[in-house]
Amino acid sequence: MYMGVVKRLTVALCTALLIVSCAKQNKKAFYNTGIIYCSESNPVTFNPQLDTSSTTSDATSHQLYDRLLDFDPDSGRIVPSLASSWLVTNDGLTYAFQLRRDVKFHQTHYFTPTRNFNADDVIFSINRWRLPSHPYHSVSGGRYPYFESLGLAQNIASVERVNGYRVEITLHRRDSSFLANLATDFAVILSQEYATTLFEAGSPSKIDILPVGTGPFKFESYRKDRFIKYLRHEDYWRKSELRGDDNVASSADDFDNRSNVDANWQDNLQLNGNISNDNVANVRQLIFDITPRSSLRLAKLMTGECDATAFPAQTELEVIRARSDLTLAEKPGLNIGFWAFNTQRPPFDNPDVRRALAAAIDKNTLLEAVYFDSATRAKTLLPAASWAFQNDADDTAYNPVLARQLLANAGVNEGFSMTIWAMPVERAYNPNATKMAELIQRYLQDVGIEATIVSYDWATFRRHLQDGLHDSVLIGWSADNGDPDNFYRPLLSCGAIPSGTNRAMWCDEDYDRLLNEALKTDDIDERTAIYHQVNRLLYERLPLVPIAHAYRYQAYREELNGVVINPFGGVRFGGVEKTL
């Protein structure tokens, strides 16, 4: 079977190489002016606050914007970004952020800023998604799925301006994952001045279509299904910054002249390292070449028409490894691929039916056929890289006899029909959902169930999923930060159903109670013990079947230097150099 796949890949590559080599002849000058990234699809928006798809995140979060905080991609530590330092009160309820000075917003053909980044931009960016009364809250649909899935808005009591470069955020209840959530791809900082200008002009939605940020690249143009063009942000704040720069707060004295300061805050000052110049944009432009076909993306990579590519197919990995002019970076993924059941639809509201479906499939075979040794079998939502990973967690097993018995006991007769929705796009957590669906379809047939595979274009697929039109779906999740709550809460909490990230549409009070208990403490051992209880509850009630934790790959040409796999989210091209 594998050799057949390789032969088909070879034919596809030969055809694609011929097409690309012909097209490239007249584009050499264009392609030598910067970095070209072969992207798999169109972004839904140019504001990652509004969408959780990795396509949108890749195209926006780290190219156009910055956040208050970042994750170090190697250590996973939370490090300063637009906030140079921060303080936390002893009760864990109030956070004060010292903001970086001399940070400039993009100057584009549609907006010229008159001031630098300051506290007003932080307040605007957070209040937009947290306050329904905010003038911009309902702009572009008024949905903020990541924040909604966490219930983060409900836990923020206030966001206050202490002065132009100090912001204080107070929570209703302790949340040990709060700082991590502020470092995710979705917690970007927008320009309040730009928003005001657009609002006064009567075109507020342009803020999400014609973006303005502080990131290493600025938006130039976009043609759907063809390309996105970015230009270098010449005044990017990281460009001239050296390790040990004075802009990084080094003591609690930076928080002078402020009110309501806890006497012990100095002990809680977070000094999470200095910022180096490794995110400087060293190219004149960045092009996202939108190329849905994986074989065509690989062909463009091989001919040099693209410098890097999204989601190389599992069957292409050896081809990439074999070429001296290409590099395949690899890292264990903080992700989970799963099969979720719509628990609001009978008979999938019955845990015994869900257990039967889980027992009907052989997960090991799915891993071998779809991932080609590039993933590990999943027992729970958490991969081994998580500090709360449970190696001895209970796991489902292939048992078609048990599956038939459970179905019969639940009154599901032979010939019952259901749908399996399969993603139309490739993702690290599931590189070929259609193939996996076909395998599951055969397994279900063996236990008397007729399954129909359903798919749409990506935007329609996600919209219908949110409407709950599916019986079951093959999909997954890539972590936005390293906190376990980032897996458990968005995927299965009650509050995540309206946001669309809870694909099982499952609500369980015991589950939510345990998640909330885990956030009340910073003690890792206590939290880990609670998450082990969560794993047991999920095994018993089984709203979804964990299938695989996949490795993350990034393929790129040898001319690129500084490419780093970001385990916590979108690709980053700030600081990547290209040798021409």
Protein backbone atom coordinates (compact mmCIF):
# COMPACT_ATOMS: atom_id res chain seq x y z
CA MET A 1 0.00 0.00 0.00
CA TYR A 2 2.81 2.41 0.91
CA MET A 3 4.63 1.83 -2.42
CA GLY A 4 1.41 2.59 -4.26
CA VAL A 5 1.16 5.88 -2.43
CA VAL A 6 4.77 6.70 -3.32
CA LYS A 7 4.16 5.97 -7.02
CA ARG A 8 1.11 8.22 -7.08
CA LEU A 9 3.09 10.92 -5.30
CA THR A 10 5.90 10.63 -7.86
CA VAL A 11 3.49 11.08 -10.77
CA ALA A 12 1.84 14.05 -9.07
CA LEU A 13 5.21 15.64 -8.34
CA CYS A 14 6.46 15.24 -11.89
CA THR A 15 3.33 16.94 -13.23
CA ALA A 16 3.49 19.68 -10.61
CA LEU A 17 7.22 20.28 -11.22
CA LEU A 18 6.58 20.78 -14.92
CA ILE A 19 3.83 23.31 -14.20
CA VAL A 20 5.91 25.17 -11.62
CA SER A 21 9.10 25.29 -13.67
CA CYS A 22 7.23 26.85 -16.57
CA ALA A 23 5.49 29.39 -14.33
CA LYS A 24 8.68 30.34 -12.53
CA GLN A 25 10.61 31.62 -15.55
CA ASN A 26 9.08 35.09 -15.47
CA LYS A 27 8.97 35.44 -11.69
CA LYS A 28 12.60 35.13 -10.64
CA ALA A 29 13.06 38.78 -9.76
CA PHE A 30 9.82 38.77 -7.77
CA TYR A 31 10.71 35.63 -5.83
CA ASN A 32 14.21 36.87 -4.98
CA THR A 33 12.94 39.90 -3.06
CA GLY A 34 11.87 38.10 0.11
CA ILE A 35 10.44 34.97 1.68
CA ILE A 36 7.72 32.98 -0.05
CA TYR A 37 5.65 30.63 2.09
CA CYS A 38 3.36 28.10 0.44
CA SER A 39 0.18 28.28 2.53
CA GLU A 40 -2.57 25.69 2.32
CA SER A 41 -5.63 27.93 2.38
CA ASN A 42 -7.11 31.40 2.79
CA PRO A 43 -7.30 33.09 6.20
CA VAL A 44 -10.83 33.69 7.46
CA THR A 45 -9.84 37.14 8.73
CA PHE A 46 -6.76 39.25 9.39
CA ASN A 47 -7.55 39.49 13.09
CA PRO A 48 -6.82 36.25 15.00
CA GLN A 49 -9.13 37.37 17.83
CA LEU A 50 -12.01 36.36 15.54
CA ASP A 51 -10.96 32.85 14.47
CA THR A 52 -9.20 29.80 15.90
CA SER A 53 -8.03 28.15 12.67
CA SER A 54 -4.29 27.69 12.23
CA THR A 55 -4.55 29.10 8.69
CA THR A 56 -5.68 32.46 10.06
CA SER A 57 -3.15 32.33 12.90
CA ASP A 58 -0.26 31.55 10.54
CA ALA A 59 -1.15 34.46 8.26
CA THR A 60 -1.62 37.03 10.99
CA SER A 61 -0.58 36.51 14.58
CA HIS A 62 3.22 36.55 14.39
CA GLN A 63 3.57 38.37 11.09
CA LEU A 64 1.37 41.43 11.78
CA TYR A 65 0.98 41.64 15.55
CA ASP A 66 2.57 41.36 18.96
CA ARG A 67 1.10 40.35 22.32
CA LEU A 68 1.76 41.55 25.85
CA LEU A 69 3.63 38.32 26.47
CA ASP A 70 5.19 35.57 24.34
CA PHE A 71 6.31 31.99 24.69
CA ASP A 72 9.93 31.06 24.21
CA PRO A 73 9.58 28.40 21.47
CA ASP A 74 12.40 26.30 22.92
CA SER A 75 11.75 26.36 26.66
CA GLY A 76 8.03 27.17 26.65
CA ARG A 77 8.60 29.88 29.28
CA ILE A 78 6.47 32.99 29.25
CA VAL A 79 8.70 35.93 28.26
CA PRO A 80 8.17 39.69 27.86
CA SER A 81 6.90 41.19 24.63
CA LEU A 82 4.92 44.45 24.55
CA ALA A 83 4.86 44.14 28.33
CA SER A 84 8.46 44.41 29.51
CA SER A 85 7.63 43.08 32.99
CA TRP A 86 4.70 42.34 35.24
CA LEU A 87 3.63 42.02 38.86
CA VAL A 88 1.09 39.71 40.48
CA THR A 89 -0.55 40.24 43.87
CA ASN A 90 -0.26 37.52 46.49
CA ASP A 91 -3.90 36.55 46.07
CA GLY A 92 -3.33 35.99 42.34
CA LEU A 93 -6.17 38.35 41.37
CA THR A 94 -4.43 41.49 40.13
CA TYR A 95 -1.79 41.78 37.41
CA ALA A 96 0.09 44.99 36.62
CA PHE A 97 1.95 45.23 33.31
CA GLN A 98 4.78 47.65 32.57
CA LEU A 99 4.52 48.43 28.84
CA ARG A 100 7.38 48.88 26.44
CA ARG A 101 8.04 52.37 25.08
CA ASP A 102 8.93 53.52 21.54
CA VAL A 103 6.92 50.76 19.83
CA LYS A 104 5.59 51.97 16.50
CA PHE A 105 2.49 50.80 14.67
CA HIS A 106 2.55 50.06 10.94
CA GLN A 107 2.39 52.94 8.52
CA THR A 108 0.49 51.69 5.48
CA HIS A 109 -1.11 53.09 2.36
CA TYR A 110 -4.41 53.21 4.29
CA PHE A 111 -3.30 54.48 7.73
CA THR A 112 -0.59 56.72 9.17
CA PRO A 113 -0.30 56.55 12.97
CA THR A 114 0.36 59.75 14.92
CA ARG A 115 1.53 58.11 18.15
CA ASN A 116 3.34 55.03 19.46
CA PHE A 117 1.84 52.03 21.23
CA ASN A 118 0.58 52.74 24.75
CA ALA A 119 -1.88 51.62 27.43
CA ASP A 120 -4.91 52.72 25.41
CA ASP A 121 -4.16 50.06 22.79
CA VAL A 122 -4.03 47.30 25.41
CA ILE A 123 -7.31 48.41 26.97
CA PHE A 124 -9.02 48.68 23.58
CA SER A 125 -7.76 45.26 22.42
CA ILE A 126 -8.92 43.43 25.56
CA ASN A 127 -12.17 45.31 26.08
CA ARG A 128 -13.21 44.70 22.49
CA TRP A 129 -13.56 40.96 23.06
CA ARG A 130 -14.58 41.01 26.71
CA LEU A 131 -17.30 43.72 26.83
CA PRO A 132 -20.53 43.31 24.80
CA SER A 133 -21.14 47.04 25.32
CA HIS A 134 -17.87 48.02 23.66
CA PRO A 135 -18.40 49.91 20.35
CA TYR A 136 -16.23 47.38 18.50
CA HIS A 137 -17.50 44.21 20.17
CA SER A 138 -20.10 43.38 17.50
CA VAL A 139 -17.99 44.51 14.55
CA SER A 140 -17.23 41.61 12.16
CA GLY A 141 -19.80 39.35 13.83
CA GLY A 142 -18.99 39.81 17.49
CA ARG A 143 -17.61 36.29 18.02
CA TYR A 144 -14.28 35.70 19.75
CA PRO A 145 -14.14 31.89 19.86
CA TYR A 146 -10.89 31.37 21.73
CA PHE A 147 -11.76 33.72 24.58
CA GLU A 148 -15.37 32.50 24.64
CA SER A 149 -14.24 28.89 24.94
CA LEU A 150 -12.28 29.78 28.09
CA GLY A 151 -14.89 32.04 29.64
CA LEU A 152 -12.07 34.53 30.05
CA ALA A 153 -14.22 37.65 29.67
CA GLN A 154 -16.43 36.61 32.57
CA ASN A 155 -13.42 36.30 34.87
CA ILE A 156 -11.93 39.73 34.15
CA ALA A 157 -13.32 42.27 36.59
CA SER A 158 -11.54 45.32 35.19
CA VAL A 159 -8.80 46.56 32.85
CA GLU A 160 -7.48 49.88 34.16
CA ARG A 161 -5.07 52.48 32.82
CA VAL A 162 -2.64 53.45 35.58
CA ASN A 163 -0.72 55.74 33.24
CA GLY A 164 0.36 55.73 29.60
CA TYR A 165 2.60 52.71 30.04
CA ARG A 166 1.05 50.79 32.93
CA VAL A 167 -2.06 48.65 32.80
CA GLU A 168 -3.70 46.77 35.66
CA ILE A 169 -5.99 43.77 35.12
CA THR A 170 -8.07 42.41 38.00
CA LEU A 171 -9.77 39.02 37.99
CA HIS A 172 -12.85 37.82 39.87
CA ARG A 173 -11.20 34.50 40.74
CA ARG A 174 -7.68 33.12 40.64
CA ASP A 175 -6.64 31.67 37.27
CA SER A 176 -3.25 29.97 37.10
CA SER A 177 -3.44 29.90 33.30
CA PHE A 178 -4.11 33.64 32.85
CA LEU A 179 -0.62 34.73 31.82
CA ALA A 180 -0.37 31.83 29.39
CA ASN A 181 -3.62 32.90 27.76
CA LEU A 182 -2.26 36.43 27.27
CA ALA A 183 0.67 34.92 25.34
CA THR A 184 -1.45 32.96 22.86
CA ASP A 185 -1.78 33.74 19.16
CA PHE A 186 -5.23 35.26 19.76
CA ALA A 187 -4.31 37.86 22.39
CA VAL A 188 -2.94 40.34 19.85
CA ILE A 189 -2.76 44.08 20.43
CA LEU A 190 -4.58 46.32 17.95
CA SER A 191 -4.29 50.06 17.38
CA GLN A 192 -6.90 52.05 19.29
CA GLU A 193 -6.10 55.13 17.20
CA TYR A 194 -6.74 53.22 13.96
CA ALA A 195 -9.99 51.87 15.38
CA THR A 196 -11.18 55.35 16.30
CA THR A 197 -10.32 56.66 12.83
CA LEU A 198 -12.28 53.86 11.15
CA PHE A 199 -15.24 54.25 13.49
CA GLU A 200 -15.49 57.96 12.77
CA ALA A 201 -15.31 57.21 9.03
CA GLY A 202 -18.17 54.72 9.33
CA SER A 203 -16.10 51.69 8.30
CA PRO A 204 -15.09 49.93 11.54
CA SER A 205 -14.95 46.44 9.98
CA LYS A 206 -11.87 47.45 8.00
CA ILE A 207 -9.84 46.92 11.18
CA ASP A 208 -10.14 43.17 10.55
CA ILE A 209 -9.67 43.37 6.77
CA LEU A 210 -6.94 46.01 6.44
CA PRO A 211 -4.91 45.23 9.58
CA VAL A 212 -2.56 47.48 11.52
CA GLY A 213 -0.28 46.03 14.18
CA THR A 214 3.21 46.37 15.62
CA GLY A 215 4.64 43.13 14.19
CA PRO A 216 7.68 42.54 11.93
CA PHE A 217 5.62 42.80 8.72
CA LYS A 218 2.84 45.10 7.59
CA PHE A 219 -0.07 44.23 5.32
CA GLU A 220 0.16 45.22 1.67
CA SER A 221 -2.43 43.25 -0.36
CA TYR A 222 -4.48 40.05 -0.55
CA ARG A 223 -6.04 38.13 -3.40
CA LYS A 224 -8.20 35.23 -2.33
CA ASP A 225 -6.94 31.82 -3.48
CA ARG A 226 -3.76 33.46 -4.80
CA PHE A 227 -1.53 35.31 -2.36
CA ILE A 228 -1.05 37.60 0.63
CA LYS A 229 1.70 40.19 0.41
CA TYR A 230 3.41 41.75 3.41
CA LEU A 231 6.15 44.37 3.51
CA ARG A 232 8.90 44.71 6.06
CA HIS A 233 8.03 46.94 9.03
CA GLU A 234 11.05 49.24 8.91
CA ASP A 235 10.43 50.62 12.39
CA TYR A 236 9.87 47.29 14.10
CA TRP A 237 10.66 47.72 17.79
CA ARG A 238 12.76 44.56 18.11
CA LYS A 239 15.06 45.47 15.22
CA SER A 240 17.54 47.59 17.17
CA GLU A 241 17.01 45.99 20.54
CA LEU A 242 20.00 44.33 22.16
CA ARG A 243 20.13 41.77 24.91
CA GLY A 244 20.04 43.63 28.22
CA ASP A 245 18.31 46.69 26.79
CA ASP A 246 17.30 49.28 29.37
CA ASN A 247 13.69 49.09 28.16
CA VAL A 248 13.30 45.83 30.03
CA ALA A 249 12.15 46.55 33.56
CA SER A 250 14.65 45.28 36.08
CA SER A 251 13.13 46.21 39.41
CA ALA A 252 9.93 47.12 41.14
CA ASP A 253 11.06 50.76 40.97
CA ASP A 254 9.58 50.81 37.46
CA PHE A 255 6.19 50.72 39.16
CA ASP A 256 6.62 53.88 41.16
CA ASN A 257 3.89 56.45 41.77
CA ARG A 258 1.05 53.99 41.40
CA SER A 259 -1.88 53.42 43.70
CA ASN A 260 -3.06 50.24 45.39
CA VAL A 261 0.29 48.49 45.23
CA ASP A 262 0.58 45.45 47.47
CA ALA A 263 3.61 45.74 49.77
CA ASN A 264 4.81 42.32 48.68
CA TRP A 265 4.60 42.90 44.94
CA GLN A 266 8.32 43.38 44.61
CA ASP A 267 8.76 39.71 45.52
CA ASN A 268 6.40 38.77 42.74
CA LEU A 269 8.13 40.78 39.98
CA GLN A 270 8.43 38.59 36.92
CA LEU A 271 11.78 38.96 35.13
CA ASN A 272 11.48 36.42 32.39
CA GLY A 273 14.56 37.21 30.36
CA ASN A 274 15.45 39.95 27.93
CA ILE A 275 14.43 40.24 24.31
CA SER A 276 17.09 39.63 21.69
CA ASN A 277 17.05 40.81 18.12
CA ASP A 278 16.05 37.36 16.82
CA ASN A 279 12.66 38.51 15.55
CA VAL A 280 13.92 41.23 13.23
CA ALA A 281 12.48 41.09 9.73
CA ASN A 282 15.49 40.85 7.42
CA VAL A 283 13.72 40.63 4.09
CA ARG A 284 11.89 43.25 2.05
CA GLN A 285 8.66 41.32 1.74
CA LEU A 286 6.86 38.17 2.79
CA ILE A 287 4.52 36.38 0.40
CA PHE A 288 1.95 33.75 1.39
CA ASP A 289 1.47 31.78 -1.84
CA ILE A 290 -1.93 30.10 -1.34
CA THR A 291 -1.55 26.56 -2.73
CA PRO A 292 -4.15 24.03 -1.52
CA ARG A 293 -2.61 20.93 -3.14
CA SER A 294 0.15 19.41 -1.04
CA SER A 295 1.97 17.93 -4.04
CA LEU A 296 2.04 21.34 -5.73
CA ARG A 297 3.37 22.97 -2.56
CA LEU A 298 6.18 20.42 -2.47
CA ALA A 299 6.92 20.97 -6.16
CA LYS A 300 7.20 24.72 -5.58
CA LEU A 301 9.50 24.08 -2.63
CA MET A 302 11.73 21.81 -4.72
CA THR A 303 12.04 24.30 -7.59
CA GLY A 304 12.62 27.25 -5.29
CA GLU A 305 9.38 29.02 -6.09
CA CYS A 306 8.56 28.70 -2.39
CA ASP A 307 11.07 28.93 0.43
CA ALA A 308 8.94 27.09 3.00
CA THR A 309 5.72 25.12 2.92
CA ALA A 310 2.77 24.38 5.18
CA PHE A 311 1.85 20.87 6.30
CA PRO A 312 3.97 18.55 4.17
CA ALA A 313 2.06 15.30 3.65
CA GLN A 314 3.30 12.24 5.50
CA THR A 315 4.09 10.57 2.18
CA GLU A 316 6.32 13.53 1.25
CA LEU A 317 8.57 13.53 4.30
CA GLU A 318 11.12 11.05 2.94
CA VAL A 319 11.28 12.94 -0.35
CA ILE A 320 12.15 16.11 1.58
CA ARG A 321 14.69 14.34 3.81
CA ALA A 322 16.45 12.91 0.76
CA ARG A 323 17.19 16.32 -0.77
CA SER A 324 20.30 18.20 0.26
CA ASP A 325 18.75 21.56 -0.68
CA LEU A 326 15.81 21.11 1.70
CA THR A 327 15.51 20.95 5.48
CA LEU A 328 12.81 19.13 7.42
CA ALA A 329 12.57 20.43 10.98
CA GLU A 330 10.73 18.15 13.38
CA LYS A 331 9.40 18.55 16.92
CA PRO A 332 6.92 16.64 19.11
CA GLY A 333 3.58 18.37 18.73
CA LEU A 334 1.42 19.86 21.44
CA ASN A 335 -1.70 18.67 19.68
CA ILE A 336 -4.44 16.06 19.67
CA GLY A 337 -6.33 14.47 16.78
CA PHE A 338 -9.66 12.95 17.80
CA TRP A 339 -13.03 11.56 16.73
CA ALA A 340 -15.80 13.58 18.43
CA PHE A 341 -19.47 12.58 18.73
CA ASN A 342 -22.30 15.09 18.69
CA THR A 343 -23.62 14.32 22.16
CA GLN A 344 -26.70 16.49 21.61
CA ARG A 345 -27.98 14.07 18.96
CA PRO A 346 -29.47 10.66 19.83
CA PRO A 347 -28.16 8.01 20.08
CA PHE A 348 -24.77 9.72 20.56
CA ASP A 349 -26.07 11.21 23.81
CA ASN A 350 -25.75 7.69 25.25
CA PRO A 351 -22.25 6.96 26.67
CA ASP A 352 -22.69 3.25 25.88
CA VAL A 353 -23.16 4.05 22.19
CA ARG A 354 -20.04 6.19 22.24
CA ARG A 355 -18.11 3.41 23.95
CA ALA A 356 -19.35 0.99 21.29
CA LEU A 357 -18.10 3.23 18.49
CA ALA A 358 -14.74 3.59 20.23
CA ALA A 359 -14.44 -0.18 20.59
CA ALA A 360 -15.27 -0.67 16.90
CA ILE A 361 -12.06 0.99 15.65
CA ASP A 362 -8.41 -0.05 15.82
CA LYS A 363 -6.45 3.09 16.66
CA ASN A 364 -3.09 1.47 15.92
CA THR A 365 -4.15 0.78 12.34
CA LEU A 366 -5.34 4.37 11.94
CA LEU A 367 -1.95 5.62 13.11
CA GLU A 368 -0.04 3.35 10.73
CA ALA A 369 -2.19 4.17 7.70
CA VAL A 370 -2.55 7.92 8.19
CA TYR A 371 0.49 9.14 10.12
CA PHE A 372 3.27 6.80 8.87
CA ASP A 373 5.13 6.63 12.20
CA SER A 374 4.96 10.40 12.70
CA ALA A 375 2.56 10.34 15.67
CA THR A 376 2.03 8.59 18.98
CA ARG A 377 -1.15 6.92 20.15
CA ALA A 378 -3.30 9.16 22.31
CA LYS A 379 -4.86 7.95 25.54
CA THR A 380 -6.02 11.35 26.74
CA LEU A 381 -6.18 14.88 25.38
CA LEU A 382 -2.71 15.72 26.73
CA PRO A 383 0.47 14.78 24.81
CA ALA A 384 3.61 13.52 26.55
CA ALA A 385 5.18 17.00 26.32
CA SER A 386 2.63 18.35 28.81
CA TRP A 387 3.65 18.51 32.47
CA ALA A 388 0.28 16.94 33.41
CA PHE A 389 0.64 13.97 31.04
CA GLN A 390 -0.60 10.69 32.55
CA ASN A 391 1.27 7.70 31.17
CA ASP A 392 -0.94 5.13 32.92
CA ALA A 393 -4.27 6.65 31.86
CA ASP A 394 -7.06 4.31 30.73
CA ASP A 395 -7.43 3.85 26.98
CA THR A 396 -10.05 2.40 24.68
CA ALA A 397 -9.27 -0.88 22.92
CA TYR A 398 -10.33 -2.52 19.65
CA ASN A 399 -13.11 -4.97 20.51
CA PRO A 400 -15.79 -5.40 17.80
CA VAL A 401 -17.58 -8.08 19.84
CA LEU A 402 -18.03 -5.64 22.72
CA ALA A 403 -19.07 -2.95 20.25
CA ARG A 404 -21.91 -5.09 18.88
CA GLN A 405 -23.05 -6.00 22.38
CA LEU A 406 -23.12 -2.39 23.59
CA LEU A 407 -25.00 -1.26 20.46
CA ALA A 408 -27.59 -4.01 20.89
CA ASN A 409 -28.07 -3.16 24.57
CA ALA A 410 -28.56 0.49 23.62
CA GLY A 411 -31.20 -0.40 21.04
CA VAL A 412 -29.08 0.54 18.03
CA ASN A 413 -29.99 -2.07 15.46
CA GLU A 414 -27.93 -3.36 12.55
CA GLY A 415 -28.20 -1.06 9.58
CA PHE A 416 -28.17 2.11 11.68
CA SER A 417 -26.70 4.97 9.65
CA MET A 418 -24.58 7.94 10.76
CA THR A 419 -22.21 10.53 9.32
CA ILE A 420 -18.49 10.99 9.78
CA TRP A 421 -17.40 14.52 8.94
CA ALA A 422 -13.84 14.68 7.60
CA MET A 423 -11.81 17.90 7.44
CA PRO A 424 -11.07 19.04 3.87
CA VAL A 425 -7.68 20.45 4.92
CA GLU A 426 -4.44 18.95 6.18
CA ARG A 427 -3.47 19.56 9.75
CA ALA A 428 -0.55 18.31 11.82
CA TYR A 429 -2.95 16.54 14.17
CA ASN A 430 -4.67 14.81 11.22
CA PRO A 431 -2.87 14.96 7.86
CA ASN A 432 -5.57 13.01 6.00
CA ALA A 433 -8.99 13.05 7.66
CA THR A 434 -10.70 11.62 4.58
CA LYS A 435 -8.52 8.51 4.59
CA MET A 436 -9.09 8.07 8.31
CA ALA A 437 -12.84 8.41 7.78
CA GLU A 438 -12.75 5.70 5.10
CA LEU A 439 -10.98 3.33 7.48
CA ILE A 440 -13.45 4.06 10.28
CA GLN A 441 -16.30 3.58 7.80
CA ARG A 442 -15.10 0.00 7.17
CA TYR A 443 -14.73 -0.72 10.87
CA LEU A 444 -18.26 0.49 11.55
CA GLN A 445 -19.62 -1.63 8.73
CA ASP A 446 -18.19 -4.66 10.54
CA VAL A 447 -20.40 -3.92 13.55
CA GLY A 448 -23.53 -3.22 11.51
CA ILE A 449 -23.35 0.57 11.11
CA GLU A 450 -23.57 2.32 7.75
CA ALA A 451 -21.44 5.45 7.81
CA THR A 452 -21.48 8.25 5.25
CA ILE A 453 -18.47 10.54 4.91
CA VAL A 454 -19.27 14.26 4.72
CA SER A 455 -17.03 17.16 3.74
CA TYR A 456 -17.31 20.74 2.48
CA ASP A 457 -14.95 23.59 1.81
CA TRP A 458 -13.21 24.59 5.04
CA ALA A 459 -15.28 27.68 5.82
CA THR A 460 -18.59 25.89 5.22
CA PHE A 461 -17.36 22.82 7.10
CA ARG A 462 -16.60 24.83 10.24
CA ARG A 463 -19.84 26.81 10.04
CA HIS A 464 -21.98 23.66 9.79
CA LEU A 465 -20.01 22.07 12.63
CA GLN A 466 -20.80 25.01 14.85
CA ASP A 467 -24.47 24.61 13.91
CA GLY A 468 -24.29 21.00 15.15
CA LEU A 469 -25.23 19.34 11.85
CA HIS A 470 -22.75 16.49 12.29
CA ASP A 471 -23.13 13.08 13.94
CA SER A 472 -19.40 12.75 14.42
CA VAL A 473 -16.29 14.54 13.18
CA LEU A 474 -12.59 13.87 12.71
CA ILE A 475 -10.80 17.00 13.77
CA GLY A 476 -8.31 18.10 16.42
CA TRP A 477 -6.58 20.85 18.35
CA SER A 478 -3.12 22.39 18.43
CA ALA A 479 -2.23 23.95 21.76
CA ASP A 480 -2.05 27.72 21.98
CA ASN A 481 0.01 27.46 25.14
CA GLY A 482 1.53 24.76 27.31
CA ASP A 483 -1.06 24.88 30.08
CA PRO A 484 -3.26 21.73 30.30
CA ASP A 485 -6.34 23.93 30.60
CA ASN A 486 -5.70 24.93 26.99
CA PHE A 487 -6.65 21.40 25.94
CA TYR A 488 -9.42 20.53 28.37
CA ARG A 489 -11.45 23.74 28.49
CA PRO A 490 -11.73 24.78 24.80
CA LEU A 491 -12.43 21.23 23.64
CA LEU A 492 -15.06 20.00 26.08
CA SER A 493 -16.26 22.57 28.62
CA CYS A 494 -19.88 23.77 28.65
CA GLY A 495 -18.79 27.33 27.93
CA ALA A 496 -16.94 26.24 24.79
CA ILE A 497 -20.08 25.02 22.98
CA PRO A 498 -21.23 28.45 21.72
CA SER A 499 -17.69 29.30 20.59
CA GLY A 500 -17.59 26.26 18.30
CA THR A 501 -14.42 24.71 19.74
CA ASN A 502 -16.39 22.02 21.64
CA ARG A 503 -17.08 19.77 18.64
CA ALA A 504 -18.72 17.12 20.83
CA MET A 505 -21.21 19.76 22.04
CA TRP A 506 -20.85 18.05 25.41
CA CYS A 507 -21.66 19.72 28.73
CA ASP A 508 -20.90 18.03 32.04
CA GLU A 509 -21.05 19.83 35.40
CA ASP A 510 -18.56 17.46 37.05
CA TYR A 511 -16.05 18.09 34.27
CA ASP A 512 -16.36 21.87 34.51
CA ARG A 513 -16.10 21.77 38.29
CA LEU A 514 -12.80 19.87 38.12
CA LEU A 515 -11.37 22.27 35.55
CA ASN A 516 -12.23 25.25 37.73
CA GLU A 517 -10.70 23.59 40.78
CA ALA A 518 -7.44 23.08 38.88
CA LEU A 519 -7.11 26.82 38.18
CA LYS A 520 -7.43 27.81 41.84
CA THR A 521 -3.92 26.65 42.65
CA ASP A 522 -0.41 27.19 41.25
CA ASP A 523 0.79 23.92 42.78
CA ILE A 524 1.73 21.63 39.87
CA ASP A 525 1.22 18.42 41.84
CA GLU A 526 -2.26 19.45 42.95
CA ARG A 527 -3.24 20.44 39.44
CA THR A 528 -1.84 17.21 37.98
CA ALA A 529 -3.86 15.12 40.43
CA ILE A 530 -7.04 16.96 39.39
CA TYR A 531 -6.32 16.43 35.69
CA HIS A 532 -5.92 12.71 36.34
CA GLN A 533 -9.47 12.76 37.72
CA VAL A 534 -10.53 14.58 34.55
CA ASN A 535 -8.94 11.85 32.42
CA ARG A 536 -10.86 9.16 34.29
CA LEU A 537 -14.13 11.02 33.86
CA LEU A 538 -13.54 11.43 30.11
CA TYR A 539 -12.73 7.73 29.76
CA GLU A 540 -16.00 6.82 31.46
CA ARG A 541 -18.22 9.25 29.54
CA LEU A 542 -16.24 9.38 26.27
CA PRO A 543 -17.54 12.44 24.40
CA LEU A 544 -14.65 11.93 22.00
CA VAL A 545 -12.02 9.31 21.18
CA PRO A 546 -8.42 10.58 21.43
CA ILE A 547 -6.49 9.13 18.48
CA ALA A 548 -3.06 10.68 17.96
CA HIS A 549 -0.49 13.23 19.04
CA ALA A 550 1.37 14.11 15.85
CA TYR A 551 4.84 15.49 15.31
CA ARG A 552 5.08 18.98 13.85
CA TYR A 553 7.11 19.45 10.69
CA GLN A 554 8.38 22.51 8.89
CA ALA A 555 9.92 22.06 5.46
CA TYR A 556 12.05 24.84 4.00
CA ARG A 557 14.91 25.50 1.61
CA GLU A 558 18.52 25.69 2.72
CA GLU A 559 18.62 29.41 1.83
CA LEU A 560 16.54 30.21 4.92
CA ASN A 561 18.18 30.77 8.29
CA GLY A 562 16.45 31.21 11.63
CA VAL A 563 13.37 29.07 10.97
CA VAL A 564 12.04 27.74 14.29
CA ILE A 565 9.03 25.47 14.82
CA ASN A 566 6.66 27.20 17.19
CA PRO A 567 5.06 24.47 19.34
CA PHE A 568 2.42 26.88 20.64
CA GLY A 569 0.86 28.20 17.46
CA GLY A 570 1.39 29.95 14.16
CA VAL A 571 4.49 30.11 12.00
CA ARG A 572 6.90 33.00 12.54
CA PHE A 573 8.93 34.70 9.83
CA GLY A 574 10.16 37.69 11.82
CA GLY A 575 13.93 37.31 12.11
CA VAL A 576 14.21 34.69 9.35
CA GLU A 577 16.96 35.51 6.87
CA LYS A 578 17.30 34.42 3.25
CA THR A 579 20.55 33.98 1.35
CA LEU A 580 20.02 34.93 -2.27
